[in-house]
Amino acid sequence: MTEEPIGKGGYGDLSDQEASTGSESKNWTKKTADVGGGTSKKELDRRIVNEMRQNVDPAAMEAIKKEYKKLKKYSKSNLFTIQKLSGKKTIIDQLIDEYEQNK
């Protein structure tokens, strides 16, 4: 196994002193360290979700979630399967067509 070069611009472009995030891995790069100021992807996702939730009306979000759950349950039902096999347009097909027209 070859030794990883230390210094700027190499495969491992951070020295051991610069790479002090508490990680046991020696195979990460400066790009990894720069993402989010050293925070994990999970933490960044959590921040983005919290920021987005502040900008959305909670009542509207609940109505959308309720409608989504209803359609999801319908798509798993036997009635939906029968309508699909018989060639009838379902509510979901209509929503997809509407979406494609509004693109």
PDB file of N, CA and C in Angstrom:
ATOM      1  N   MET A   1       0.848  -1.176   0.000  1.00  0.00           N
ATOM      2  CA  MET A   1       0.000   0.000   0.000  1.00  0.00           C
ATOM      3  C   MET A   1       0.894   1.241   0.000  1.00  0.00           C
ATOM      4  N   THR A   2       0.581   2.186  -0.851  1.00  0.00           N
ATOM      5  CA  THR A   2       1.398   3.389  -0.942  1.00  0.00           C
ATOM      6  C   THR A   2       0.990   4.380   0.125  1.00  0.00           C
ATOM      7  N   GLU A   3       1.932   5.169   0.529  1.00  0.00           N
ATOM      8  CA  GLU A   3       1.658   6.173   1.553  1.00  0.00           C
ATOM      9  C   GLU A   3       0.999   7.384   0.922  1.00  0.00           C
ATOM     10  N   GLU A   4       0.007   7.896   1.574  1.00  0.00           N
ATOM     11  CA  GLU A   4      -0.730   9.055   1.077  1.00  0.00           C
ATOM     12  C   GLU A   4       0.103  10.315   1.275  1.00  0.00           C
ATOM     13  N   PRO A   5       0.242  11.153   0.228  1.00  0.00           N
ATOM     14  CA  PRO A   5       1.040  12.379   0.375  1.00  0.00           C
ATOM     15  C   PRO A   5       0.353  13.373   1.300  1.00  0.00           C
ATOM     16  N   ILE A   6       1.134  14.122   2.030  1.00  0.00           N
ATOM     17  CA  ILE A   6       0.611  15.133   2.936  1.00  0.00           C
ATOM     18  C   ILE A   6       0.942  16.496   2.356  1.00  0.00           C
ATOM     19  N   GLY A   7      -0.008  17.403   2.400  1.00  0.00           N
ATOM     20  CA  GLY A   7       0.218  18.742   1.878  1.00  0.00           C
ATOM     21  C   GLY A   7      -0.881  19.126   0.918  1.00  0.00           C
ATOM     22  N   LYS A   8      -0.845  20.334   0.411  1.00  0.00           N
ATOM     23  CA  LYS A   8      -1.896  20.860  -0.455  1.00  0.00           C
ATOM     24  C   LYS A   8      -1.797  20.275  -1.861  1.00  0.00           C
ATOM     25  N   GLY A   9      -2.960  19.974  -2.458  1.00  0.00           N
ATOM     26  CA  GLY A   9      -3.022  19.580  -3.845  1.00  0.00           C
ATOM     27  C   GLY A   9      -2.830  18.109  -4.125  1.00  0.00           C
ATOM     28  N   GLY A  10      -2.467  17.315  -3.152  1.00  0.00           N
ATOM     29  CA  GLY A  10      -2.290  15.892  -3.384  1.00  0.00           C
ATOM     30  C   GLY A  10      -3.590  15.137  -3.201  1.00  0.00           C
ATOM     31  N   TYR A  11      -3.489  13.825  -3.203  1.00  0.00           N
ATOM     32  CA  TYR A  11      -4.677  12.986  -3.019  1.00  0.00           C
ATOM     33  C   TYR A  11      -5.348  13.296  -1.684  1.00  0.00           C
ATOM     34  N   GLY A  12      -4.581  13.316  -0.628  1.00  0.00           N
ATOM     35  CA  GLY A  12      -5.084  13.742   0.675  1.00  0.00           C
ATOM     36  C   GLY A  12      -4.554  15.135   0.901  1.00  0.00           C
ATOM     37  N   ASP A  13      -5.302  16.148   0.512  1.00  0.00           N
ATOM     38  CA  ASP A  13      -4.759  17.496   0.450  1.00  0.00           C
ATOM     39  C   ASP A  13      -4.818  18.254   1.770  1.00  0.00           C
ATOM     40  N   LEU A  14      -4.962  17.561   2.880  1.00  0.00           N
ATOM     41  CA  LEU A  14      -4.896  18.196   4.195  1.00  0.00           C
ATOM     42  C   LEU A  14      -3.879  17.463   5.053  1.00  0.00           C
ATOM     43  N   SER A  15      -3.183  18.215   5.838  1.00  0.00           N
ATOM     44  CA  SER A  15      -2.270  17.573   6.766  1.00  0.00           C
ATOM     45  C   SER A  15      -3.061  17.042   7.952  1.00  0.00           C
ATOM     46  N   ASP A  16      -2.423  16.254   8.793  1.00  0.00           N
ATOM     47  CA  ASP A  16      -3.112  15.695   9.963  1.00  0.00           C
ATOM     48  C   ASP A  16      -3.605  16.787  10.899  1.00  0.00           C
ATOM     49  N   GLN A  17      -2.900  17.911  10.995  1.00  0.00           N
ATOM     50  CA  GLN A  17      -3.324  18.990  11.874  1.00  0.00           C
ATOM     51  C   GLN A  17      -4.570  19.690  11.328  1.00  0.00           C
ATOM     52  N   GLU A  18      -4.642  19.844   9.994  1.00  0.00           N
ATOM     53  CA  GLU A  18      -5.805  20.499   9.392  1.00  0.00           C
ATOM     54  C   GLU A  18      -7.027  19.590   9.395  1.00  0.00           C
ATOM     55  N   ALA A  19      -6.802  18.308   9.430  1.00  0.00           N
ATOM     56  CA  ALA A  19      -7.883  17.332   9.362  1.00  0.00           C
ATOM     57  C   ALA A  19      -8.329  16.904  10.750  1.00  0.00           C
ATOM     58  N   SER A  20      -8.581  17.847  11.600  1.00  0.00           N
ATOM     59  CA  SER A  20      -8.933  17.499  12.978  1.00  0.00           C
ATOM     60  C   SER A  20     -10.429  17.676  13.222  1.00  0.00           C
ATOM     61  N   THR A  21     -11.217  16.773  12.678  1.00  0.00           N
ATOM     62  CA  THR A  21     -12.662  16.827  12.908  1.00  0.00           C
ATOM     63  C   THR A  21     -13.099  15.730  13.851  1.00  0.00           C
ATOM     64  N   GLY A  22     -12.165  14.948  14.334  1.00  0.00           N
ATOM     65  CA  GLY A  22     -12.519  13.855  15.217  1.00  0.00           C
ATOM     66  C   GLY A  22     -12.778  12.577  14.456  1.00  0.00           C
ATOM     67  N   SER A  23     -12.667  12.608  13.143  1.00  0.00           N
ATOM     68  CA  SER A  23     -12.893  11.423  12.324  1.00  0.00           C
ATOM     69  C   SER A  23     -11.674  10.516  12.395  1.00  0.00           C
ATOM     70  N   GLU A  24     -11.913   9.223  12.432  1.00  0.00           N
ATOM     71  CA  GLU A  24     -10.823   8.258  12.446  1.00  0.00           C
ATOM     72  C   GLU A  24     -10.279   8.019  11.043  1.00  0.00           C
ATOM     73  N   SER A  25     -11.038   8.410  10.013  1.00  0.00           N
ATOM     74  CA  SER A  25     -10.653   8.160   8.638  1.00  0.00           C
ATOM     75  C   SER A  25      -9.537   9.108   8.199  1.00  0.00           C
ATOM     76  N   LYS A  26      -8.574   8.582   7.493  1.00  0.00           N
ATOM     77  CA  LYS A  26      -7.494   9.394   6.934  1.00  0.00           C
ATOM     78  C   LYS A  26      -7.711   9.618   5.439  1.00  0.00           C
ATOM     79  N   ASN A  27      -8.804   9.087   4.870  1.00  0.00           N
ATOM     80  CA  ASN A  27      -9.017   9.121   3.427  1.00  0.00           C
ATOM     81  C   ASN A  27     -10.013  10.175   2.989  1.00  0.00           C
ATOM     82  N   TRP A  28     -10.174  11.226   3.723  1.00  0.00           N
ATOM     83  CA  TRP A  28     -11.090  12.273   3.302  1.00  0.00           C
ATOM     84  C   TRP A  28     -10.298  13.461   2.802  1.00  0.00           C
ATOM     85  N   THR A  29     -10.937  14.310   2.008  1.00  0.00           N
ATOM     86  CA  THR A  29     -10.239  15.413   1.349  1.00  0.00           C
ATOM     87  C   THR A  29     -10.743  16.750   1.877  1.00  0.00           C
ATOM     88  N   LYS A  30     -10.118  17.811   1.415  1.00  0.00           N
ATOM     89  CA  LYS A  30     -10.519  19.154   1.824  1.00  0.00           C
ATOM     90  C   LYS A  30     -11.956  19.438   1.407  1.00  0.00           C
ATOM     91  N   LYS A  31     -12.358  18.917   0.245  1.00  0.00           N
ATOM     92  CA  LYS A  31     -13.729  19.123  -0.219  1.00  0.00           C
ATOM     93  C   LYS A  31     -14.720  18.579   0.812  1.00  0.00           C
ATOM     94  N   THR A  32     -14.435  17.423   1.366  1.00  0.00           N
ATOM     95  CA  THR A  32     -15.299  16.842   2.389  1.00  0.00           C
ATOM     96  C   THR A  32     -15.362  17.740   3.614  1.00  0.00           C
ATOM     97  N   ALA A  33     -14.223  18.307   4.002  1.00  0.00           N
ATOM     98  CA  ALA A  33     -14.183  19.154   5.187  1.00  0.00           C
ATOM     99  C   ALA A  33     -14.904  20.469   4.973  1.00  0.00           C
ATOM    100  N   ASP A  34     -14.941  20.967   3.724  1.00  0.00           N
ATOM    101  CA  ASP A  34     -15.558  22.261   3.441  1.00  0.00           C
ATOM    102  C   ASP A  34     -17.074  22.211   3.385  1.00  0.00           C
ATOM    103  N   VAL A  35     -17.670  21.064   3.148  1.00  0.00           N
ATOM    104  CA  VAL A  35     -19.123  20.955   3.016  1.00  0.00           C
ATOM    105  C   VAL A  35     -19.777  21.271   4.353  1.00  0.00           C
ATOM    106  N   GLY A  36     -20.525  22.353   4.397  1.00  0.00           N
ATOM    107  CA  GLY A  36     -21.299  22.694   5.578  1.00  0.00           C
ATOM    108  C   GLY A  36     -20.490  23.089   6.791  1.00  0.00           C
ATOM    109  N   GLY A  37     -19.269  23.463   6.616  1.00  0.00           N
ATOM    110  CA  GLY A  37     -18.467  23.890   7.753  1.00  0.00           C
ATOM    111  C   GLY A  37     -18.152  22.751   8.708  1.00  0.00           C
ATOM    112  N   GLY A  38     -18.024  21.530   8.187  1.00  0.00           N
ATOM    113  CA  GLY A  38     -17.664  20.392   9.012  1.00  0.00           C
ATOM    114  C   GLY A  38     -18.859  19.677   9.617  1.00  0.00           C
ATOM    115  N   THR A  39     -20.085  20.031   9.217  1.00  0.00           N
ATOM    116  CA  THR A  39     -21.256  19.338   9.740  1.00  0.00           C
ATOM    117  C   THR A  39     -21.606  18.176   8.830  1.00  0.00           C
ATOM    118  N   SER A  40     -22.340  17.242   9.359  1.00  0.00           N
ATOM    119  CA  SER A  40     -22.704  16.062   8.583  1.00  0.00           C
ATOM    120  C   SER A  40     -23.842  16.367   7.614  1.00  0.00           C
ATOM    121  N   LYS A  41     -24.020  15.503   6.633  1.00  0.00           N
ATOM    122  CA  LYS A  41     -25.088  15.672   5.658  1.00  0.00           C
ATOM    123  C   LYS A  41     -26.446  15.588   6.352  1.00  0.00           C
ATOM    124  N   LYS A  42     -26.549  14.727   7.329  1.00  0.00           N
ATOM    125  CA  LYS A  42     -27.806  14.576   8.071  1.00  0.00           C
ATOM    126  C   LYS A  42     -28.173  15.880   8.785  1.00  0.00           C
ATOM    127  N   GLU A  43     -27.183  16.528   9.373  1.00  0.00           N
ATOM    128  CA  GLU A  43     -27.417  17.806  10.062  1.00  0.00           C
ATOM    129  C   GLU A  43     -27.807  18.896   9.063  1.00  0.00           C
ATOM    130  N   LEU A  44     -27.156  18.916   7.897  1.00  0.00           N
ATOM    131  CA  LEU A  44     -27.507  19.894   6.868  1.00  0.00           C
ATOM    132  C   LEU A  44     -28.939  19.682   6.390  1.00  0.00           C
ATOM    133  N   ASP A  45     -29.322  18.421   6.172  1.00  0.00           N
ATOM    134  CA  ASP A  45     -30.696  18.116   5.756  1.00  0.00           C
ATOM    135  C   ASP A  45     -31.691  18.583   6.804  1.00  0.00           C
ATOM    136  N   ARG A  46     -31.378  18.372   8.068  1.00  0.00           N
ATOM    137  CA  ARG A  46     -32.254  18.784   9.163  1.00  0.00           C
ATOM    138  C   ARG A  46     -32.422  20.306   9.178  1.00  0.00           C
ATOM    139  N   ARG A  47     -31.326  21.024   8.936  1.00  0.00           N
ATOM    140  CA  ARG A  47     -31.398  22.494   8.899  1.00  0.00           C
ATOM    141  C   ARG A  47     -32.280  22.972   7.748  1.00  0.00           C
ATOM    142  N   ILE A  48     -32.109  22.357   6.581  1.00  0.00           N
ATOM    143  CA  ILE A  48     -32.896  22.756   5.412  1.00  0.00           C
ATOM    144  C   ILE A  48     -34.369  22.496   5.640  1.00  0.00           C
ATOM    145  N   VAL A  49     -34.703  21.342   6.198  1.00  0.00           N
ATOM    146  CA  VAL A  49     -36.107  21.005   6.468  1.00  0.00           C
ATOM    147  C   VAL A  49     -36.705  21.989   7.465  1.00  0.00           C
ATOM    148  N   ASN A  50     -35.986  22.316   8.522  1.00  0.00           N
ATOM    149  CA  ASN A  50     -36.495  23.270   9.515  1.00  0.00           C
ATOM    150  C   ASN A  50     -36.704  24.650   8.903  1.00  0.00           C
ATOM    151  N   GLU A  51     -35.783  25.065   8.035  1.00  0.00           N
ATOM    152  CA  GLU A  51     -35.915  26.362   7.381  1.00  0.00           C
ATOM    153  C   GLU A  51     -37.120  26.387   6.445  1.00  0.00           C
ATOM    154  N   MET A  52     -37.346  25.299   5.735  1.00  0.00           N
ATOM    155  CA  MET A  52     -38.481  25.227   4.813  1.00  0.00           C
ATOM    156  C   MET A  52     -39.809  25.197   5.580  1.00  0.00           C
ATOM    157  N   ARG A  53     -39.831  24.518   6.708  1.00  0.00           N
ATOM    158  CA  ARG A  53     -41.063  24.434   7.498  1.00  0.00           C
ATOM    159  C   ARG A  53     -41.494  25.798   8.024  1.00  0.00           C
ATOM    160  N   GLN A  54     -40.556  26.683   8.244  1.00  0.00           N
ATOM    161  CA  GLN A  54     -40.886  28.017   8.730  1.00  0.00           C
ATOM    162  C   GLN A  54     -41.596  28.834   7.667  1.00  0.00           C
ATOM    163  N   ASN A  55     -41.369  28.503   6.382  1.00  0.00           N
ATOM    164  CA  ASN A  55     -41.943  29.269   5.282  1.00  0.00           C
ATOM    165  C   ASN A  55     -43.264  28.710   4.770  1.00  0.00           C
ATOM    166  N   VAL A  56     -43.738  27.588   5.316  1.00  0.00           N
ATOM    167  CA  VAL A  56     -44.948  26.931   4.827  1.00  0.00           C
ATOM    168  C   VAL A  56     -46.042  27.023   5.880  1.00  0.00           C
ATOM    169  N   ASP A  57     -47.271  27.273   5.406  1.00  0.00           N
ATOM    170  CA  ASP A  57     -48.426  27.323   6.289  1.00  0.00           C
ATOM    171  C   ASP A  57     -48.730  25.910   6.804  1.00  0.00           C
ATOM    172  N   PRO A  58     -48.752  25.691   8.118  1.00  0.00           N
ATOM    173  CA  PRO A  58     -48.985  24.343   8.666  1.00  0.00           C
ATOM    174  C   PRO A  58     -50.347  23.759   8.280  1.00  0.00           C
ATOM    175  N   ALA A  59     -51.378  24.584   8.187  1.00  0.00           N
ATOM    176  CA  ALA A  59     -52.700  24.075   7.825  1.00  0.00           C
ATOM    177  C   ALA A  59     -52.706  23.575   6.380  1.00  0.00           C
ATOM    178  N   ALA A  60     -52.041  24.302   5.494  1.00  0.00           N
ATOM    179  CA  ALA A  60     -51.958  23.880   4.101  1.00  0.00           C
ATOM    180  C   ALA A  60     -51.161  22.587   3.974  1.00  0.00           C
ATOM    181  N   MET A  61     -50.103  22.469   4.749  1.00  0.00           N
ATOM    182  CA  MET A  61     -49.276  21.259   4.715  1.00  0.00           C
ATOM    183  C   MET A  61     -50.074  20.048   5.186  1.00  0.00           C
ATOM    184  N   GLU A  62     -50.870  20.221   6.226  1.00  0.00           N
ATOM    185  CA  GLU A  62     -51.703  19.119   6.736  1.00  0.00           C
ATOM    186  C   GLU A  62     -52.730  18.680   5.690  1.00  0.00           C
ATOM    187  N   ALA A  63     -53.319  19.639   4.986  1.00  0.00           N
ATOM    188  CA  ALA A  63     -54.298  19.309   3.947  1.00  0.00           C
ATOM    189  C   ALA A  63     -53.637  18.524   2.810  1.00  0.00           C
ATOM    190  N   ILE A  64     -52.437  18.920   2.438  1.00  0.00           N
ATOM    191  CA  ILE A  64     -51.710  18.221   1.368  1.00  0.00           C
ATOM    192  C   ILE A  64     -51.343  16.810   1.823  1.00  0.00           C
ATOM    193  N   LYS A  65     -50.869  16.670   3.061  1.00  0.00           N
ATOM    194  CA  LYS A  65     -50.517  15.351   3.575  1.00  0.00           C
ATOM    195  C   LYS A  65     -51.739  14.431   3.628  1.00  0.00           C
ATOM    196  N   LYS A  66     -52.888  14.975   4.041  1.00  0.00           N
ATOM    197  CA  LYS A  66     -54.113  14.191   4.127  1.00  0.00           C
ATOM    198  C   LYS A  66     -54.526  13.697   2.735  1.00  0.00           C
ATOM    199  N   GLU A  67     -54.480  14.578   1.750  1.00  0.00           N
ATOM    200  CA  GLU A  67     -54.833  14.208   0.378  1.00  0.00           C
ATOM    201  C   GLU A  67     -53.861  13.174  -0.174  1.00  0.00           C
ATOM    202  N   TYR A  68     -52.577  13.345   0.112  1.00  0.00           N
ATOM    203  CA  TYR A  68     -51.559  12.400  -0.350  1.00  0.00           C
ATOM    204  C   TYR A  68     -51.801  11.013   0.234  1.00  0.00           C
ATOM    205  N   LYS A  69     -52.072  10.943   1.534  1.00  0.00           N
ATOM    206  CA  LYS A  69     -52.313   9.658   2.182  1.00  0.00           C
ATOM    207  C   LYS A  69     -53.551   8.974   1.604  1.00  0.00           C
ATOM    208  N   LYS A  70     -54.570   9.765   1.296  1.00  0.00           N
ATOM    209  CA  LYS A  70     -55.794   9.236   0.723  1.00  0.00           C
ATOM    210  C   LYS A  70     -55.518   8.631  -0.662  1.00  0.00           C
ATOM    211  N   LEU A  71     -54.766   9.358  -1.484  1.00  0.00           N
ATOM    212  CA  LEU A  71     -54.432   8.858  -2.819  1.00  0.00           C
ATOM    213  C   LEU A  71     -53.514   7.634  -2.750  1.00  0.00           C
ATOM    214  N   LYS A  72     -52.605   7.634  -1.801  1.00  0.00           N
ATOM    215  CA  LYS A  72     -51.694   6.504  -1.637  1.00  0.00           C
ATOM    216  C   LYS A  72     -52.473   5.252  -1.250  1.00  0.00           C
ATOM    217  N   LYS A  73     -53.412   5.404  -0.343  1.00  0.00           N
ATOM    218  CA  LYS A  73     -54.250   4.279   0.079  1.00  0.00           C
ATOM    219  C   LYS A  73     -55.083   3.779  -1.097  1.00  0.00           C
ATOM    220  N   TYR A  74     -55.636   4.710  -1.884  1.00  0.00           N
ATOM    221  CA  TYR A  74     -56.424   4.360  -3.062  1.00  0.00           C
ATOM    222  C   TYR A  74     -55.577   3.594  -4.076  1.00  0.00           C
ATOM    223  N   SER A  75     -54.325   4.019  -4.274  1.00  0.00           N
ATOM    224  CA  SER A  75     -53.474   3.368  -5.270  1.00  0.00           C
ATOM    225  C   SER A  75     -53.114   1.939  -4.883  1.00  0.00           C
ATOM    226  N   LYS A  76     -53.256   1.587  -3.619  1.00  0.00           N
ATOM    227  CA  LYS A  76     -52.976   0.227  -3.153  1.00  0.00           C
ATOM    228  C   LYS A  76     -54.242  -0.636  -3.098  1.00  0.00           C
ATOM    229  N   SER A  77     -55.392  -0.038  -3.412  1.00  0.00           N
ATOM    230  CA  SER A  77     -56.658  -0.761  -3.261  1.00  0.00           C
ATOM    231  C   SER A  77     -56.943  -1.663  -4.459  1.00  0.00           C
ATOM    232  N   ASN A  78     -57.868  -2.615  -4.239  1.00  0.00           N
ATOM    233  CA  ASN A  78     -58.298  -3.512  -5.303  1.00  0.00           C
ATOM    234  C   ASN A  78     -59.095  -2.759  -6.364  1.00  0.00           C
ATOM    235  N   LEU A  79     -59.861  -1.754  -5.951  1.00  0.00           N
ATOM    236  CA  LEU A  79     -60.646  -0.967  -6.898  1.00  0.00           C
ATOM    237  C   LEU A  79     -59.737  -0.280  -7.922  1.00  0.00           C
ATOM    238  N   PHE A  80     -58.640   0.271  -7.461  1.00  0.00           N
ATOM    239  CA  PHE A  80     -57.671   0.920  -8.351  1.00  0.00           C
ATOM    240  C   PHE A  80     -57.111  -0.092  -9.343  1.00  0.00           C
ATOM    241  N   THR A  81     -56.749  -1.277  -8.860  1.00  0.00           N
ATOM    242  CA  THR A  81     -56.195  -2.318  -9.719  1.00  0.00           C
ATOM    243  C   THR A  81     -57.198  -2.740 -10.784  1.00  0.00           C
ATOM    244  N   ILE A  82     -58.453  -2.905 -10.395  1.00  0.00           N
ATOM    245  CA  ILE A  82     -59.501  -3.293 -11.340  1.00  0.00           C
ATOM    246  C   ILE A  82     -59.686  -2.217 -12.402  1.00  0.00           C
ATOM    247  N   GLN A  83     -59.728  -0.951 -11.993  1.00  0.00           N
ATOM    248  CA  GLN A  83     -59.887   0.140 -12.947  1.00  0.00           C
ATOM    249  C   GLN A  83     -58.706   0.214 -13.914  1.00  0.00           C
ATOM    250  N   LYS A  84     -57.494  -0.008 -13.411  1.00  0.00           N
ATOM    251  CA  LYS A  84     -56.296   0.018 -14.259  1.00  0.00           C
ATOM    252  C   LYS A  84     -56.353  -1.102 -15.287  1.00  0.00           C
ATOM    253  N   LEU A  85     -56.740  -2.315 -14.835  1.00  0.00           N
ATOM    254  CA  LEU A  85     -56.778  -3.463 -15.738  1.00  0.00           C
ATOM    255  C   LEU A  85     -57.882  -3.340 -16.781  1.00  0.00           C
ATOM    256  N   SER A  86     -58.976  -2.672 -16.417  1.00  0.00           N
ATOM    257  CA  SER A  86     -60.080  -2.519 -17.363  1.00  0.00           C
ATOM    258  C   SER A  86     -59.835  -1.380 -18.359  1.00  0.00           C
ATOM    259  N   GLY A  87     -58.812  -0.587 -18.128  1.00  0.00           N
ATOM    260  CA  GLY A  87     -58.457   0.478 -19.064  1.00  0.00           C
ATOM    261  C   GLY A  87     -59.085   1.821 -18.740  1.00  0.00           C
ATOM    262  N   LYS A  88     -59.817   1.918 -17.635  1.00  0.00           N
ATOM    263  CA  LYS A  88     -60.433   3.197 -17.250  1.00  0.00           C
ATOM    264  C   LYS A  88     -59.365   4.154 -16.727  1.00  0.00           C
ATOM    265  N   LYS A  89     -59.616   5.438 -16.909  1.00  0.00           N
ATOM    266  CA  LYS A  89     -58.721   6.459 -16.344  1.00  0.00           C
ATOM    267  C   LYS A  89     -59.025   6.607 -14.867  1.00  0.00           C
ATOM    268  N   THR A  90     -58.006   6.535 -14.050  1.00  0.00           N
ATOM    269  CA  THR A  90     -58.171   6.685 -12.612  1.00  0.00           C
ATOM    270  C   THR A  90     -57.899   8.133 -12.214  1.00  0.00           C
ATOM    271  N   ILE A  91     -58.165   8.438 -10.970  1.00  0.00           N
ATOM    272  CA  ILE A  91     -57.890   9.781 -10.444  1.00  0.00           C
ATOM    273  C   ILE A  91     -56.398  10.089 -10.563  1.00  0.00           C
ATOM    274  N   ILE A  92     -55.590   9.112 -10.308  1.00  0.00           N
ATOM    275  CA  ILE A  92     -54.140   9.298 -10.368  1.00  0.00           C
ATOM    276  C   ILE A  92     -53.700   9.577 -11.804  1.00  0.00           C
ATOM    277  N   ASP A  93     -54.286   8.875 -12.774  1.00  0.00           N
ATOM    278  CA  ASP A  93     -53.971   9.146 -14.182  1.00  0.00           C
ATOM    279  C   ASP A  93     -54.346  10.580 -14.552  1.00  0.00           C
ATOM    280  N   GLN A  94     -55.486  11.032 -14.069  1.00  0.00           N
ATOM    281  CA  GLN A  94     -55.922  12.404 -14.354  1.00  0.00           C
ATOM    282  C   GLN A  94     -54.956  13.420 -13.752  1.00  0.00           C
ATOM    283  N   LEU A  95     -54.490  13.164 -12.534  1.00  0.00           N
ATOM    284  CA  LEU A  95     -53.527  14.073 -11.903  1.00  0.00           C
ATOM    285  C   LEU A  95     -52.206  14.105 -12.665  1.00  0.00           C
ATOM    286  N   ILE A  96     -51.772  12.952 -13.144  1.00  0.00           N
ATOM    287  CA  ILE A  96     -50.531  12.900 -13.915  1.00  0.00           C
ATOM    288  C   ILE A  96     -50.688  13.665 -15.222  1.00  0.00           C
ATOM    289  N   ASP A  97     -51.819  13.486 -15.901  1.00  0.00           N
ATOM    290  CA  ASP A  97     -52.071  14.216 -17.152  1.00  0.00           C
ATOM    291  C   ASP A  97     -52.100  15.728 -16.906  1.00  0.00           C
ATOM    292  N   GLU A  98     -52.758  16.130 -15.816  1.00  0.00           N
ATOM    293  CA  GLU A  98     -52.821  17.549 -15.469  1.00  0.00           C
ATOM    294  C   GLU A  98     -51.429  18.118 -15.206  1.00  0.00           C
ATOM    295  N   TYR A  99     -50.618  17.361 -14.516  1.00  0.00           N
ATOM    296  CA  TYR A  99     -49.251  17.787 -14.220  1.00  0.00           C
ATOM    297  C   TYR A  99     -48.451  17.955 -15.514  1.00  0.00           C
ATOM    298  N   GLU A 100     -48.580  17.001 -16.433  1.00  0.00           N
ATOM    299  CA  GLU A 100     -47.837  17.057 -17.684  1.00  0.00           C
ATOM    300  C   GLU A 100     -48.253  18.241 -18.534  1.00  0.00           C
ATOM    301  N   GLN A 101     -49.548  18.613 -18.472  1.00  0.00           N
ATOM    302  CA  GLN A 101     -50.016  19.764 -19.232  1.00  0.00           C
ATOM    303  C   GLN A 101     -49.476  21.080 -18.652  1.00  0.00           C
ATOM    304  N   ASN A 102     -49.300  21.130 -17.346  1.00  0.00           N
ATOM    305  CA  ASN A 102     -48.850  22.361 -16.674  1.00  0.00           C
ATOM    306  C   ASN A 102     -47.330  22.514 -16.641  1.00  0.00           C
ATOM    307  N   LYS A 103     -46.611  21.543 -17.146  1.00  0.00           N
ATOM    308  CA  LYS A 103     -45.149  21.606 -17.122  1.00  0.00           C
ATOM    309  C   LYS A 103     -44.619  22.812 -17.822  1.00  0.00           C
TER     310      LYS A 103
END
